[in-house]
């Protein structure tokens, strides 16, 4: 599925981005391609780090604990550019709960 397919199939504001912090390496692709300013790159929060499994913690340490957070998920228009841009496939769009 390419970015045009994602954009056609997704209804704006019906979805929100979710970052799998165990996969994310904070490479900033999502920040660079998002036209809505949804993402920021930050140091992983202690509670998020504690929730990671063994391999997620190893990966986090290897990348100095830098990850992407969808800090403005409410601005997401479900264009899917972040999903396509993420080399780790750490971002998914999930339906918002009403």
N, C-alpha and C. Protein backbone atom coordinates (compact mmCIF):
# COMPACT_ATOMS: atom_id res chain seq x y z
N UNK A 1 0.84 -1.17 0.00
CA UNK A 1 0.00 0.00 0.00
C UNK A 1 0.89 1.24 0.00
N UNK A 2 0.68 2.17 -0.91
CA UNK A 2 1.49 3.37 -0.95
C UNK A 2 0.76 4.52 -0.26
N UNK A 3 1.41 5.67 -0.19
CA UNK A 3 0.84 6.79 0.56
C UNK A 3 -0.45 7.32 -0.06
N UNK A 4 -0.61 7.22 -1.37
CA UNK A 4 -1.85 7.67 -1.99
C UNK A 4 -3.01 6.77 -1.58
N UNK A 5 -2.78 5.45 -1.52
CA UNK A 5 -3.82 4.53 -1.08
C UNK A 5 -4.23 4.82 0.36
N UNK A 6 -3.26 5.07 1.22
CA UNK A 6 -3.57 5.37 2.63
C UNK A 6 -4.43 6.62 2.73
N UNK A 7 -4.08 7.64 2.00
CA UNK A 7 -4.82 8.89 2.04
C UNK A 7 -6.24 8.75 1.56
N UNK A 8 -6.47 7.94 0.53
CA UNK A 8 -7.82 7.75 0.00
C UNK A 8 -8.69 6.93 0.93
N UNK A 9 -8.12 5.97 1.60
CA UNK A 9 -8.89 5.04 2.41
C UNK A 9 -9.20 5.57 3.81
N UNK A 10 -8.39 6.49 4.29
CA UNK A 10 -8.55 6.96 5.67
C UNK A 10 -9.41 8.21 5.71
N UNK A 11 -10.33 8.23 6.63
CA UNK A 11 -11.17 9.40 6.85
C UNK A 11 -10.44 10.31 7.85
N UNK A 12 -10.22 11.58 7.49
CA UNK A 12 -9.52 12.47 8.42
C UNK A 12 -10.18 12.49 9.79
N UNK A 13 -9.34 12.52 10.80
CA UNK A 13 -9.74 12.57 12.21
C UNK A 13 -10.42 11.29 12.69
N UNK A 14 -10.58 10.30 11.84
CA UNK A 14 -11.14 9.02 12.27
C UNK A 14 -10.04 8.11 12.80
N UNK A 15 -8.79 8.46 12.51
CA UNK A 15 -7.64 7.65 12.92
C UNK A 15 -6.65 8.51 13.68
N UNK A 16 -5.80 7.84 14.45
CA UNK A 16 -4.72 8.52 15.16
C UNK A 16 -3.46 7.67 15.01
N UNK A 17 -2.29 8.31 15.00
CA UNK A 17 -1.05 7.55 14.88
C UNK A 17 -0.63 6.98 16.23
N UNK A 18 -0.11 5.75 16.19
CA UNK A 18 0.43 5.11 17.38
C UNK A 18 1.86 4.69 17.05
N UNK A 19 2.79 5.09 17.90
CA UNK A 19 4.20 4.75 17.71
C UNK A 19 4.55 3.58 18.62
N UNK A 20 5.08 2.51 18.03
CA UNK A 20 5.58 1.38 18.81
C UNK A 20 6.98 1.77 19.28
N UNK A 21 7.08 2.14 20.54
CA UNK A 21 8.35 2.64 21.07
C UNK A 21 9.43 1.57 21.15
N UNK A 22 9.03 0.32 21.09
CA UNK A 22 9.99 -0.77 21.07
C UNK A 22 10.67 -0.93 19.71
N UNK A 23 10.07 -0.36 18.68
CA UNK A 23 10.64 -0.41 17.33
C UNK A 23 11.27 0.92 16.91
N UNK A 24 10.74 2.02 17.42
CA UNK A 24 11.16 3.35 16.98
C UNK A 24 12.62 3.61 17.32
N UNK A 25 13.34 4.17 16.34
CA UNK A 25 14.74 4.55 16.52
C UNK A 25 14.93 6.06 16.46
N UNK A 26 13.83 6.81 16.41
CA UNK A 26 13.91 8.27 16.42
C UNK A 26 14.63 8.88 15.25
N UNK A 27 14.46 8.30 14.07
CA UNK A 27 15.19 8.78 12.89
C UNK A 27 14.57 10.01 12.24
N UNK A 28 13.45 10.49 12.75
CA UNK A 28 12.81 11.74 12.36
C UNK A 28 12.08 11.74 11.03
N UNK A 29 11.96 10.60 10.36
CA UNK A 29 11.23 10.58 9.10
C UNK A 29 9.80 11.05 9.25
N UNK A 30 9.16 10.64 10.33
CA UNK A 30 7.77 11.04 10.57
C UNK A 30 7.65 12.55 10.78
N UNK A 31 8.60 13.12 11.51
CA UNK A 31 8.59 14.57 11.75
C UNK A 31 8.75 15.32 10.44
N UNK A 32 9.65 14.85 9.61
CA UNK A 32 9.96 15.53 8.35
C UNK A 32 8.81 15.48 7.35
N UNK A 33 8.05 14.38 7.30
CA UNK A 33 7.00 14.26 6.28
C UNK A 33 5.62 14.70 6.75
N UNK A 34 5.40 14.79 8.04
CA UNK A 34 4.06 15.12 8.54
C UNK A 34 3.73 16.59 8.29
N UNK A 35 2.72 16.87 7.45
CA UNK A 35 2.36 18.26 7.18
C UNK A 35 1.54 18.89 8.31
N UNK A 36 1.17 18.11 9.33
CA UNK A 36 0.30 18.60 10.40
C UNK A 36 1.02 18.78 11.73
N UNK A 37 2.32 18.52 11.79
CA UNK A 37 3.09 18.72 13.01
C UNK A 37 2.71 17.79 14.15
N UNK A 38 2.37 16.56 13.82
CA UNK A 38 1.91 15.60 14.81
C UNK A 38 3.04 15.08 15.70
N UNK A 39 4.24 14.91 15.15
CA UNK A 39 5.32 14.20 15.85
C UNK A 39 6.41 15.11 16.38
N UNK A 40 7.03 14.65 17.47
CA UNK A 40 8.24 15.26 18.00
C UNK A 40 9.19 14.14 18.40
N UNK A 41 10.49 14.40 18.29
CA UNK A 41 11.51 13.45 18.70
C UNK A 41 11.96 13.86 20.10
N UNK A 42 11.91 12.92 21.03
CA UNK A 42 12.26 13.19 22.43
C UNK A 42 12.96 11.98 23.04
N UNK A 43 13.51 12.20 24.20
CA UNK A 43 14.05 11.10 25.02
C UNK A 43 12.85 10.31 25.54
N UNK A 44 12.96 8.98 25.52
CA UNK A 44 11.86 8.14 25.98
C UNK A 44 11.57 8.41 27.46
N UNK A 45 10.30 8.48 27.80
CA UNK A 45 9.89 8.72 29.18
C UNK A 45 10.19 7.47 30.01
N UNK A 46 10.58 7.66 31.27
CA UNK A 46 10.93 6.50 32.12
C UNK A 46 9.83 5.45 32.19
N UNK A 47 8.58 5.88 32.27
CA UNK A 47 7.48 4.92 32.35
C UNK A 47 7.30 4.15 31.03
N UNK A 48 7.58 4.78 29.91
CA UNK A 48 7.50 4.09 28.62
C UNK A 48 8.66 3.11 28.47
N UNK A 49 9.84 3.53 28.93
CA UNK A 49 11.00 2.63 28.89
C UNK A 49 10.74 1.39 29.75
N UNK A 50 10.18 1.59 30.93
CA UNK A 50 9.89 0.49 31.85
C UNK A 50 8.89 -0.50 31.26
N UNK A 51 8.02 -0.02 30.38
CA UNK A 51 7.01 -0.88 29.76
C UNK A 51 7.54 -1.70 28.59
N UNK A 52 8.75 -1.38 28.11
CA UNK A 52 9.33 -2.11 26.99
C UNK A 52 9.77 -3.50 27.42
N UNK A 53 9.76 -4.42 26.48
CA UNK A 53 10.31 -5.74 26.71
C UNK A 53 11.83 -5.70 26.65
N UNK A 54 12.45 -6.84 26.85
CA UNK A 54 13.91 -6.95 26.86
C UNK A 54 14.54 -6.38 25.59
N UNK A 55 14.06 -6.83 24.42
CA UNK A 55 14.67 -6.38 23.16
C UNK A 55 14.36 -4.91 22.88
N UNK A 56 13.20 -4.45 23.28
CA UNK A 56 12.87 -3.04 23.14
C UNK A 56 13.80 -2.16 23.95
N UNK A 57 14.13 -2.60 25.16
CA UNK A 57 15.06 -1.85 26.00
C UNK A 57 16.47 -1.84 25.41
N UNK A 58 16.89 -2.98 24.87
CA UNK A 58 18.20 -3.03 24.22
C UNK A 58 18.26 -2.06 23.04
N UNK A 59 17.22 -2.10 22.23
CA UNK A 59 17.17 -1.22 21.06
C UNK A 59 17.14 0.25 21.50
N UNK A 60 16.39 0.53 22.53
CA UNK A 60 16.31 1.90 23.04
C UNK A 60 17.67 2.38 23.51
N UNK A 61 18.39 1.54 24.24
CA UNK A 61 19.73 1.91 24.71
C UNK A 61 20.68 2.15 23.53
N UNK A 62 20.57 1.30 22.51
CA UNK A 62 21.43 1.44 21.33
C UNK A 62 21.20 2.76 20.61
N UNK A 63 20.00 3.29 20.71
CA UNK A 63 19.66 4.55 20.03
C UNK A 63 19.53 5.71 21.01
N UNK A 64 20.18 5.55 22.15
CA UNK A 64 20.27 6.60 23.18
C UNK A 64 18.90 7.05 23.69
N UNK A 65 17.92 6.16 23.62
CA UNK A 65 16.60 6.47 24.17
C UNK A 65 15.82 7.52 23.41
N UNK A 66 16.18 7.76 22.18
CA UNK A 66 15.50 8.77 21.37
C UNK A 66 14.37 8.10 20.58
N UNK A 67 13.16 8.63 20.70
CA UNK A 67 11.99 8.07 20.02
C UNK A 67 11.08 9.19 19.53
N UNK A 68 10.15 8.82 18.69
CA UNK A 68 9.12 9.76 18.22
C UNK A 68 7.87 9.60 19.08
N UNK A 69 7.30 10.70 19.43
CA UNK A 69 6.02 10.73 20.13
C UNK A 69 5.02 11.49 19.26
N UNK A 70 3.80 11.00 19.21
CA UNK A 70 2.72 11.69 18.51
C UNK A 70 2.09 12.67 19.49
N UNK A 71 2.80 13.75 19.78
CA UNK A 71 2.37 14.69 20.81
C UNK A 71 1.15 15.50 20.42
N UNK A 72 0.91 15.60 19.14
CA UNK A 72 -0.26 16.33 18.64
C UNK A 72 -1.13 15.41 17.79
N UNK A 73 -1.40 14.22 18.32
CA UNK A 73 -2.17 13.21 17.57
C UNK A 73 -3.54 13.74 17.17
N UNK A 74 -4.07 14.69 17.92
CA UNK A 74 -5.38 15.25 17.59
C UNK A 74 -5.38 16.02 16.28
N UNK A 75 -4.19 16.40 15.79
CA UNK A 75 -4.08 17.12 14.52
C UNK A 75 -3.97 16.18 13.31
N UNK A 76 -3.82 14.88 13.56
CA UNK A 76 -3.62 13.91 12.49
C UNK A 76 -4.81 13.89 11.53
N UNK A 77 -4.49 13.91 10.24
CA UNK A 77 -5.50 13.84 9.18
C UNK A 77 -5.48 12.49 8.46
N UNK A 78 -4.76 11.53 9.03
CA UNK A 78 -4.69 10.17 8.50
C UNK A 78 -4.21 10.10 7.06
N UNK A 79 -3.24 10.94 6.71
CA UNK A 79 -2.71 10.91 5.35
C UNK A 79 -1.82 9.70 5.12
N UNK A 80 -1.24 9.15 6.20
CA UNK A 80 -0.41 7.96 6.10
C UNK A 80 1.04 8.20 5.72
N UNK A 81 1.44 9.45 5.54
CA UNK A 81 2.82 9.72 5.16
C UNK A 81 3.80 9.23 6.21
N UNK A 82 3.45 9.33 7.48
CA UNK A 82 4.33 8.87 8.56
C UNK A 82 4.53 7.36 8.51
N UNK A 83 3.47 6.65 8.20
CA UNK A 83 3.54 5.19 8.11
C UNK A 83 4.51 4.78 7.02
N UNK A 84 4.42 5.43 5.89
CA UNK A 84 5.29 5.13 4.75
C UNK A 84 6.73 5.55 5.03
N UNK A 85 6.92 6.67 5.73
CA UNK A 85 8.26 7.21 5.95
C UNK A 85 9.05 6.48 7.03
N UNK A 86 8.39 5.76 7.90
CA UNK A 86 9.08 5.13 9.03
C UNK A 86 9.84 3.88 8.58
N UNK A 87 11.18 3.91 8.64
CA UNK A 87 11.95 2.75 8.18
C UNK A 87 11.82 1.54 9.09
N UNK A 88 11.44 1.76 10.34
CA UNK A 88 11.28 0.65 11.29
C UNK A 88 9.85 0.08 11.29
N UNK A 89 8.96 0.70 10.54
CA UNK A 89 7.55 0.30 10.52
C UNK A 89 6.98 0.35 11.95
N UNK A 90 7.34 1.43 12.66
CA UNK A 90 6.94 1.59 14.06
C UNK A 90 5.65 2.39 14.23
N UNK A 91 5.10 2.91 13.14
CA UNK A 91 3.90 3.74 13.24
C UNK A 91 2.73 3.06 12.54
N UNK A 92 1.62 3.04 13.23
CA UNK A 92 0.37 2.55 12.64
C UNK A 92 -0.71 3.59 12.88
N UNK A 93 -1.72 3.57 12.03
CA UNK A 93 -2.89 4.41 12.24
C UNK A 93 -3.99 3.54 12.80
N UNK A 94 -4.56 3.94 13.92
CA UNK A 94 -5.63 3.17 14.54
C UNK A 94 -6.88 4.03 14.62
N UNK A 95 -8.01 3.38 14.55
CA UNK A 95 -9.28 4.11 14.61
C UNK A 95 -9.44 4.75 15.98
N UNK A 96 -9.87 6.00 15.96
CA UNK A 96 -10.12 6.71 17.22
C UNK A 96 -11.36 6.14 17.88
N UNK A 97 -11.31 6.10 19.19
CA UNK A 97 -12.49 5.69 19.94
C UNK A 97 -13.36 6.91 20.15
N UNK A 98 -14.64 6.74 19.99
CA UNK A 98 -15.57 7.88 20.15
C UNK A 98 -16.05 7.99 21.56
